[in-house]
Amino acid sequence: MNSMTLFIIAAALLVVAVVAILAFPLWRVPKVSSAADQRQFNLAIFRDQMTELERDRNDGTLAEADFEQAKAELQRRLLEEVPPETDSAANTRAGQSSRKTALALLVSIPLLATGGYTLLGNPRALEPLQTQTKVSSQQIDEMLAKLVDKLKKNPDDAKGWVMLARSYKALGRLAEAAEAYSQASVLVDQDATLLSDYAETLSQMNGGKLQGKPSELIDRALKLDPEDPQSLFMAGVAASERSDFVVAADYWSRLLEKLEPGSEDYTTLEDYIGKARQAAGQSPTPSVAEKKAKSAAGGLSISGQVTLNPKLAAQAKPDDVLFIFARAEEGPRMPLAAIRASVAELPFSFRLDDSMALPGGKKISDFKTVKIEARIAKAGTAKASSGDLFGGINGVKLGNQGLKLVIDQVQP
């Protein structure tokens, strides 16, 4: 392996590390109880990151120039993210803008690093006779070995295991990455992004397939954060794999709302949605009438979470079928939209909208209010039968988000 290749690998790893350090806290705004708690939380994170940078510099794994650059970035973020006490409105605006900042960092840091080296760097310095300090694959392995040794001494360091997992994943050592993620379960199980990263690692080990444990991890991620972008995309892929194209289109439609209209990602995802709708026997693109109906309804949907009353838990089995559907409060009993799941997935986060309407039937947007019902069907069919467990809420308006639906009744 020549010097140029080794330099590129080392530089790429450094850029990935810096982007992860800067972008991850911005993308995932921590949930804290108050503005003061938020400031203390951020200060603790910055102290840990500075300590880690100083340790890497002292160990010789981080060059002085790279250390100064990373330190300057941390100091800049310290000023931006740990300001003096502000009112709650200002804190809210800062949280809303953090993901935009993260996206900007993800794009700008690699571009600036590449452009800066092109203008100011010295490629000749990479030639064997010119190189004073060489970074070899052996040195990269030694860096990972130090982290492994550190974790052996402190196996409860979940953050360290996550760092090791991401390093292994970047190097293509997927089996070791998956094992590291499993060691960090205390942290991974509470973070939607980490759960989807873990699922992606397992999927790559299985030829890109998401069925099995990867799908389970994605479902858990969406229960923690129903709007996590990576989880929504992967959930759509998983649904497409099992030929559940209506559900796939729904997940991707939710993600589409977060993208900039006209962008490359938006156009690509819109194409995926069209193909999924077509495979489901629906129109690839909404008709003019559907667009008008959606516009009139403000593009609204109904979402929330279904739970089972603990008093009825003994009457349900994990593989029992769970239906969540919207019905007109008066008139035809045919569902306006429906989702099928299982008891094992409870508590279950749901979203109902016009894209889930049955062929030839009416849509949620045709009514001002609807009834939302969840039913554990003992016979496995949507038709009610004796012994079913159910719960419902009447008078639900379009646009109602965060609905709490409890299954607390037994069908006579």
Protein backbone atom coordinates (compact mmCIF):
# COMPACT_ATOMS: atom_id res chain seq x y z
CA MET A 1 0.00 0.00 0.00
CA ASN A 2 1.69 3.29 -1.09
CA SER A 3 1.97 6.51 0.92
CA MET A 4 -0.72 8.35 -1.03
CA THR A 5 -3.28 5.61 -0.35
CA LEU A 6 -2.41 5.49 3.35
CA PHE A 7 -2.71 9.26 3.60
CA ILE A 8 -6.12 9.25 1.93
CA ILE A 9 -7.38 6.52 4.30
CA ALA A 10 -6.09 8.37 7.36
CA ALA A 11 -7.48 11.71 6.15
CA ALA A 12 -10.86 10.14 5.39
CA LEU A 13 -11.05 8.60 8.87
CA LEU A 14 -10.15 11.95 10.42
CA VAL A 15 -12.82 13.78 8.41
CA VAL A 16 -15.40 11.13 9.39
CA ALA A 17 -14.41 11.51 13.04
CA VAL A 18 -14.62 15.32 12.97
CA VAL A 19 -17.98 15.25 11.13
CA ALA A 20 -19.33 12.73 13.65
CA ILE A 21 -18.13 14.84 16.59
CA LEU A 22 -19.65 18.03 15.18
CA ALA A 23 -22.78 16.80 13.43
CA PHE A 24 -24.10 14.07 15.72
CA PRO A 25 -24.91 16.31 18.72
CA LEU A 26 -26.53 18.82 16.34
CA TRP A 27 -28.65 16.21 14.53
CA ARG A 28 -29.87 14.60 17.74
CA VAL A 29 -30.92 17.32 20.14
CA PRO A 30 -30.71 15.73 23.62
CA LYS A 31 -33.88 15.64 25.67
CA VAL A 32 -33.20 17.46 28.91
CA SER A 33 -35.49 18.78 31.57
CA SER A 34 -34.55 22.46 31.34
CA ALA A 35 -32.34 25.02 29.63
CA ALA A 36 -29.90 24.82 32.55
CA ASP A 37 -29.72 21.03 32.26
CA GLN A 38 -29.12 21.42 28.52
CA ARG A 39 -26.19 23.77 29.13
CA GLN A 40 -24.63 21.45 31.71
CA PHE A 41 -25.11 18.48 29.39
CA ASN A 42 -23.39 20.30 26.51
CA LEU A 43 -20.51 21.44 28.72
CA ALA A 44 -19.90 17.87 29.86
CA ILE A 45 -19.86 16.68 26.24
CA PHE A 46 -17.35 19.35 25.23
CA ARG A 47 -15.07 18.48 28.16
CA ASP A 48 -15.13 14.79 27.18
CA GLN A 49 -14.37 15.59 23.55
CA MET A 50 -11.48 17.91 24.45
CA THR A 51 -10.02 15.29 26.79
CA GLU A 52 -10.26 12.70 24.02
CA LEU A 53 -8.52 15.01 21.53
CA GLU A 54 -5.70 15.76 23.99
CA ARG A 55 -5.26 12.05 24.70
CA ASP A 56 -5.04 11.27 20.97
CA ARG A 57 -2.46 14.03 20.48
CA ASN A 58 -0.36 12.82 23.41
CA ASP A 59 -0.53 9.24 22.13
CA GLY A 60 0.72 10.38 18.72
CA THR A 61 -2.44 9.31 16.85
CA LEU A 62 -3.43 12.92 16.09
CA ALA A 63 -1.06 15.43 14.49
CA GLU A 64 -0.59 18.81 16.19
CA ALA A 65 -2.11 20.72 13.26
CA ASP A 66 -5.16 18.43 13.22
CA PHE A 67 -5.46 18.78 16.99
CA GLU A 68 -5.48 22.59 16.75
CA GLN A 69 -8.10 22.51 13.99
CA ALA A 70 -10.39 20.15 15.93
CA LYS A 71 -9.84 22.20 19.09
CA ALA A 72 -10.81 25.41 17.26
CA GLU A 73 -14.01 23.74 15.99
CA LEU A 74 -14.89 22.61 19.53
CA GLN A 75 -14.30 26.11 20.90
CA ARG A 76 -16.48 27.61 18.19
CA ARG A 77 -19.25 25.16 19.01
CA LEU A 78 -18.83 25.88 22.71
CA LEU A 79 -19.64 29.54 22.04
CA GLU A 80 -22.56 28.66 19.77
CA GLU A 81 -24.16 25.82 21.72
CA VAL A 82 -23.53 26.86 25.34
CA PRO A 83 -24.67 30.50 25.35
CA PRO A 84 -25.73 32.47 28.45
CA GLU A 85 -29.19 31.83 29.85
CA THR A 86 -31.88 32.59 27.24
CA ASP A 87 -35.63 32.42 27.13
CA SER A 88 -37.44 29.24 26.07
CA ALA A 89 -38.36 30.63 22.65
CA ALA A 90 -34.71 31.21 21.80
CA ASN A 91 -33.86 27.68 22.92
CA THR A 92 -36.61 26.30 20.72
CA ARG A 93 -35.31 28.18 17.67
CA ALA A 94 -31.81 26.89 18.35
CA GLY A 95 -33.10 23.30 18.48
CA GLN A 96 -35.00 23.72 15.23
CA SER A 97 -31.94 25.06 13.43
CA SER A 98 -29.49 22.46 14.74
CA ARG A 99 -30.31 19.84 12.13
CA LYS A 100 -29.82 22.37 9.34
CA THR A 101 -26.41 23.16 10.83
CA ALA A 102 -25.60 19.45 10.98
CA LEU A 103 -26.52 18.97 7.33
CA ALA A 104 -24.35 21.95 6.38
CA LEU A 105 -21.41 20.48 8.31
CA LEU A 106 -21.83 17.09 6.68
CA VAL A 107 -21.46 18.70 3.25
CA SER A 108 -19.07 21.57 3.92
CA ILE A 109 -16.34 19.92 6.02
CA PRO A 110 -15.27 17.31 3.42
CA LEU A 111 -15.48 19.89 0.62
CA LEU A 112 -13.48 22.49 2.53
CA ALA A 113 -10.88 19.93 3.56
CA THR A 114 -10.42 18.74 -0.01
CA GLY A 115 -10.39 22.24 -1.49
CA GLY A 116 -8.02 23.56 1.15
CA TYR A 117 -5.51 20.80 0.58
CA THR A 118 -5.73 21.27 -3.19
CA LEU A 119 -4.87 24.98 -2.82
CA LEU A 120 -2.42 24.88 0.09
CA GLY A 121 -1.21 21.31 0.39
CA ASN A 122 1.98 19.79 -0.94
CA PRO A 123 1.36 16.46 -2.70
CA ARG A 124 5.12 15.98 -3.07
CA ALA A 125 5.30 15.67 0.69
CA LEU A 126 3.66 12.26 0.29
CA GLU A 127 6.52 10.91 -1.75
CA PRO A 128 8.62 8.36 0.21
CA LEU A 129 11.73 10.56 0.26
CA GLN A 130 9.77 13.62 1.32
CA THR A 131 7.61 12.01 4.01
CA GLN A 132 8.73 12.55 7.56
CA THR A 133 5.76 10.86 9.27
CA LYS A 134 4.04 7.91 7.65
CA VAL A 135 0.61 6.57 8.66
CA SER A 136 0.45 2.86 7.96
CA SER A 137 -2.35 0.36 8.15
CA GLN A 138 -0.49 -1.09 11.12
CA GLN A 139 -0.76 2.24 12.94
CA ILE A 140 -4.50 2.36 12.24
CA ASP A 141 -4.80 -1.14 13.71
CA GLU A 142 -2.80 0.01 16.72
CA MET A 143 -5.20 2.92 17.27
CA LEU A 144 -8.13 0.51 17.27
CA ALA A 145 -6.23 -1.90 19.53
CA LYS A 146 -5.74 0.89 22.09
CA LEU A 147 -9.47 1.55 22.08
CA VAL A 148 -10.19 -2.16 22.45
CA ASP A 149 -7.78 -2.40 25.41
CA LYS A 150 -9.46 0.60 26.99
CA LEU A 151 -12.87 -1.04 26.63
CA LYS A 152 -11.62 -4.32 28.09
CA LYS A 153 -10.69 -2.40 31.22
CA ASN A 154 -13.98 -0.51 31.19
CA PRO A 155 -16.58 -2.72 29.43
CA ASP A 156 -19.44 -0.48 30.58
CA ASP A 157 -18.22 2.43 28.44
CA ALA A 158 -21.14 2.45 25.99
CA LYS A 159 -19.89 5.55 24.17
CA GLY A 160 -16.53 3.85 23.61
CA TRP A 161 -18.24 0.78 22.14
CA VAL A 162 -20.25 2.98 19.78
CA MET A 163 -17.06 4.74 18.66
CA LEU A 164 -15.42 1.36 18.04
CA ALA A 165 -18.48 0.08 16.15
CA ARG A 166 -18.48 3.08 13.82
CA SER A 167 -14.74 2.76 13.24
CA TYR A 168 -15.09 -0.91 12.33
CA LYS A 169 -18.04 -0.11 10.07
CA ALA A 170 -16.07 2.58 8.23
CA LEU A 171 -13.28 0.03 7.64
CA GLY A 172 -15.73 -2.58 6.37
CA ARG A 173 -15.18 -4.90 9.35
CA LEU A 174 -18.89 -5.49 9.72
CA ALA A 175 -18.91 -8.51 12.03
CA GLU A 176 -16.73 -6.68 14.55
CA ALA A 177 -18.88 -3.55 14.17
CA ALA A 178 -22.04 -5.55 14.92
CA GLU A 179 -20.42 -7.10 18.00
CA ALA A 180 -19.37 -3.64 19.24
CA TYR A 181 -22.92 -2.31 18.76
CA SER A 182 -24.26 -5.24 20.78
CA GLN A 183 -21.88 -4.34 23.62
CA ALA A 184 -23.29 -0.80 23.64
CA SER A 185 -26.91 -1.94 24.01
CA VAL A 186 -27.52 0.33 27.03
CA LEU A 187 -26.94 3.37 24.82
CA VAL A 188 -28.09 1.94 21.47
CA ASP A 189 -31.49 0.86 22.79
CA GLN A 190 -32.28 4.46 23.74
CA ASP A 191 -31.21 6.09 20.48
CA ALA A 192 -33.14 5.81 17.20
CA THR A 193 -30.16 6.76 15.05
CA LEU A 194 -27.87 4.19 16.68
CA LEU A 195 -30.54 1.50 16.31
CA SER A 196 -30.83 2.22 12.58
CA ASP A 197 -27.02 2.26 12.24
CA TYR A 198 -26.89 -1.14 13.92
CA ALA A 199 -29.65 -2.41 11.61
CA GLU A 200 -27.76 -1.15 8.56
CA THR A 201 -24.61 -2.97 9.71
CA LEU A 202 -26.48 -6.27 10.11
CA SER A 203 -28.16 -5.71 6.75
CA GLN A 204 -24.82 -5.22 5.00
CA MET A 205 -23.61 -8.48 6.53
CA ASN A 206 -26.68 -10.18 5.04
CA GLY A 207 -26.35 -8.93 1.48
CA GLY A 208 -28.49 -5.85 2.04
CA LYS A 209 -31.51 -7.75 3.39
CA LEU A 210 -33.40 -6.11 6.25
CA GLN A 211 -35.71 -8.94 7.30
CA GLY A 212 -35.20 -10.45 10.74
CA LYS A 213 -33.27 -8.59 13.43
CA PRO A 214 -32.56 -5.50 11.26
CA SER A 215 -36.32 -4.94 10.85
CA GLU A 216 -36.82 -5.42 14.59
CA LEU A 217 -34.20 -2.76 15.29
CA ILE A 218 -35.83 -0.35 12.82
CA ASP A 219 -39.25 -0.87 14.44
CA ARG A 220 -37.73 -0.09 17.84
CA ALA A 221 -36.06 3.01 16.41
CA LEU A 222 -39.37 4.33 15.07
CA LYS A 223 -41.04 3.77 18.43
CA LEU A 224 -38.39 5.99 19.99
CA ASP A 225 -38.55 8.60 17.21
CA PRO A 226 -41.32 8.14 14.61
CA GLU A 227 -39.77 10.87 12.44
CA ASP A 228 -36.11 9.71 12.39
CA PRO A 229 -35.08 10.11 8.70
CA GLN A 230 -32.77 7.10 8.43
CA SER A 231 -35.25 4.84 10.19
CA LEU A 232 -38.11 5.99 7.94
CA PHE A 233 -36.10 5.25 4.80
CA MET A 234 -34.97 1.82 6.00
CA ALA A 235 -38.48 0.96 7.21
CA GLY A 236 -39.72 1.68 3.69
CA VAL A 237 -37.02 -0.56 2.21
CA ALA A 238 -37.94 -3.36 4.65
CA ALA A 239 -41.63 -3.04 3.76
CA SER A 240 -40.76 -3.14 0.07
CA GLU A 241 -38.73 -6.33 0.62
CA ARG A 242 -41.79 -8.07 2.01
CA SER A 243 -43.92 -6.66 -0.86
CA ASP A 244 -45.92 -4.41 1.48
CA PHE A 245 -45.76 -1.53 -0.98
CA VAL A 246 -48.53 0.58 0.56
CA VAL A 247 -46.62 0.71 3.85
CA ALA A 248 -43.34 1.38 2.01
CA ALA A 249 -44.90 4.35 0.20
CA ASP A 250 -46.24 5.67 3.50
CA TYR A 251 -42.84 5.59 5.22
CA TRP A 252 -41.14 7.25 2.27
CA SER A 253 -43.90 9.87 1.99
CA ARG A 254 -43.27 10.85 5.60
CA LEU A 255 -39.57 11.18 4.83
CA LEU A 256 -40.29 13.15 1.66
CA GLU A 257 -41.90 15.90 3.75
CA LYS A 258 -38.51 16.53 5.36
CA LEU A 259 -36.59 16.98 2.10
CA GLU A 260 -36.23 20.10 0.00
CA PRO A 261 -38.61 19.98 -2.99
CA GLY A 262 -36.70 19.75 -6.25
CA SER A 263 -33.49 18.45 -4.68
CA GLU A 264 -31.83 15.29 -5.99
CA ASP A 265 -32.80 13.32 -2.87
CA TYR A 266 -36.38 14.57 -3.13
CA THR A 267 -36.65 13.54 -6.79
CA THR A 268 -35.13 10.10 -6.14
CA LEU A 269 -37.40 9.37 -3.19
CA GLU A 270 -40.44 10.62 -5.10
CA ASP A 271 -39.58 8.07 -7.80
CA TYR A 272 -39.39 5.30 -5.18
CA ILE A 273 -42.81 6.30 -3.85
CA GLY A 274 -44.30 6.27 -7.36
CA LYS A 275 -42.96 2.78 -8.04
CA ALA A 276 -44.23 1.51 -4.68
CA ARG A 277 -47.70 2.95 -5.29
CA GLN A 278 -47.74 1.41 -8.75
CA ALA A 279 -46.71 -2.00 -7.38
CA ALA A 280 -49.57 -1.70 -4.86
CA GLY A 281 -52.06 -1.13 -7.68
CA GLN A 282 -52.40 2.58 -6.99
CA SER A 283 -51.73 5.54 -9.22
CA PRO A 284 -47.96 6.24 -9.28
CA THR A 285 -48.69 9.90 -8.62
CA PRO A 286 -51.69 11.45 -6.87
CA SER A 287 -54.46 12.54 -9.26
CA VAL A 288 -55.48 16.17 -9.55
CA ALA A 289 -58.55 15.40 -7.42
CA GLU A 290 -56.38 13.78 -4.73
CA LYS A 291 -54.03 16.75 -4.70
CA LYS A 292 -56.94 19.15 -4.32
CA ALA A 293 -58.42 17.06 -1.52
CA LYS A 294 -55.07 16.95 0.23
CA SER A 295 -54.59 20.67 -0.25
CA ALA A 296 -58.06 21.37 1.12
CA ALA A 297 -57.25 19.27 4.15
CA GLY A 298 -53.92 21.00 4.55
CA GLY A 299 -52.07 17.78 3.66
CA LEU A 300 -53.05 16.50 7.08
CA SER A 301 -52.84 13.08 8.62
CA ILE A 302 -53.61 11.48 11.99
CA SER A 303 -50.87 9.88 14.04
CA GLY A 304 -50.32 8.57 17.53
CA GLN A 305 -49.49 5.52 19.59
CA VAL A 306 -51.48 2.41 20.51
CA THR A 307 -50.97 0.73 23.88
CA LEU A 308 -52.61 -2.23 25.62
CA ASN A 309 -54.15 -1.88 29.06
CA PRO A 310 -51.99 -4.03 31.40
CA LYS A 311 -55.16 -5.59 32.84
CA LEU A 312 -55.82 -7.21 29.43
CA ALA A 313 -52.23 -8.21 28.66
CA ALA A 314 -52.79 -11.83 29.69
CA GLN A 315 -55.54 -12.16 27.07
CA ALA A 316 -53.26 -11.29 24.15
CA LYS A 317 -50.52 -13.32 22.50
CA PRO A 318 -47.46 -11.77 20.79
CA ASP A 319 -48.47 -13.12 17.36
CA ASP A 320 -52.10 -11.92 17.58
CA VAL A 321 -52.99 -9.57 14.71
CA LEU A 322 -53.38 -5.87 15.51
CA PHE A 323 -55.44 -3.58 13.27
CA ILE A 324 -55.46 0.22 13.49
CA PHE A 325 -57.98 1.96 11.27
CA ALA A 326 -59.98 5.12 10.71
CA ARG A 327 -63.74 4.99 10.10
CA ALA A 328 -66.44 7.49 9.37
CA GLU A 329 -68.42 8.20 12.54
CA GLU A 330 -71.62 7.87 10.55
CA GLY A 331 -72.26 6.08 7.28
CA PRO A 332 -70.34 3.17 5.70
CA ARG A 333 -68.35 0.89 8.00
CA MET A 334 -65.59 0.34 5.45
CA PRO A 335 -62.28 1.66 6.88
CA LEU A 336 -60.98 4.91 5.42
CA ALA A 337 -57.39 3.85 6.14
CA ALA A 338 -55.89 0.84 7.91
CA ILE A 339 -52.61 -0.55 9.23
CA ARG A 340 -51.87 -4.19 10.15
CA ALA A 341 -49.31 -5.06 12.84
CA SER A 342 -48.92 -7.55 15.71
CA VAL A 343 -49.24 -7.48 19.49
CA ALA A 344 -45.48 -8.03 19.77
CA GLU A 345 -44.99 -4.54 18.27
CA LEU A 346 -46.95 -2.77 21.02
CA PRO A 347 -46.66 0.05 21.93
CA PHE A 348 -47.15 0.80 18.22
CA SER A 349 -46.68 4.21 16.59
CA PHE A 350 -49.08 4.78 13.70
CA ARG A 351 -49.89 7.33 11.04
CA LEU A 352 -53.06 7.31 8.91
CA ASP A 353 -53.59 9.44 5.80
CA ASP A 354 -55.15 9.40 2.32
CA SER A 355 -52.31 7.35 0.82
CA MET A 356 -53.61 4.38 2.81
CA ALA A 357 -57.19 4.55 1.51
CA LEU A 358 -58.70 1.33 0.18
CA PRO A 359 -59.23 1.17 -3.61
CA GLY A 360 -62.61 2.63 -4.53
CA GLY A 361 -63.35 3.79 -0.99
CA LYS A 362 -63.57 7.18 0.66
CA LYS A 363 -60.61 8.92 2.28
CA ILE A 364 -59.91 10.49 5.64
CA SER A 365 -59.85 13.94 4.04
CA ASP A 366 -63.49 13.46 2.98
CA PHE A 367 -64.58 13.91 6.62
CA LYS A 368 -64.11 16.64 9.22
CA THR A 369 -63.82 14.11 12.05
CA VAL A 370 -63.37 10.33 12.14
CA LYS A 371 -63.22 7.48 14.63
CA ILE A 372 -59.83 5.85 15.23
CA GLU A 373 -59.97 2.26 16.49
CA ALA A 374 -57.38 -0.36 17.39
CA ARG A 375 -58.38 -4.03 17.54
CA ILE A 376 -56.54 -7.20 18.50
CA ALA A 377 -58.30 -9.69 16.25
CA LYS A 378 -58.36 -13.20 17.69
CA ALA A 379 -59.61 -14.60 14.38
CA GLY A 380 -56.93 -12.73 12.45
CA THR A 381 -59.42 -10.78 10.31
CA ALA A 382 -60.56 -7.16 10.42
CA LYS A 383 -64.16 -8.24 11.09
CA ALA A 384 -65.02 -7.99 14.79
CA SER A 385 -65.51 -11.28 16.64
CA SER A 386 -66.16 -12.35 20.22
CA GLY A 387 -63.07 -12.14 22.42
CA ASP A 388 -61.38 -9.38 20.42
CA LEU A 389 -59.66 -6.67 22.44
CA PHE A 390 -60.27 -3.13 21.23
CA GLY A 391 -60.26 0.57 21.98
CA GLY A 392 -61.41 3.64 20.09
CA ILE A 393 -61.58 7.43 20.06
CA ASN A 394 -64.43 9.38 18.43
CA GLY A 395 -64.38 12.88 17.02
CA VAL A 396 -60.74 12.86 15.91
CA LYS A 397 -59.97 15.85 13.70
CA LEU A 398 -57.63 15.83 10.74
CA GLY A 399 -54.15 16.86 11.71
CA ASN A 400 -54.37 15.38 15.20
CA GLN A 401 -50.85 14.24 16.11
CA GLY A 402 -49.70 12.42 19.23
CA LEU A 403 -53.01 10.59 19.74
CA LYS A 404 -53.01 8.17 22.70
CA LEU A 405 -55.18 5.15 21.90
CA VAL A 406 -55.57 2.48 24.60
CA ILE A 407 -56.96 -0.98 23.96
CA ASP A 408 -59.05 -1.46 27.08
CA GLN A 409 -62.26 -3.29 26.09
CA VAL A 410 -63.25 -6.87 25.27
CA GLN A 411 -65.67 -7.71 22.47
CA PRO A 412 -68.73 -9.57 23.92
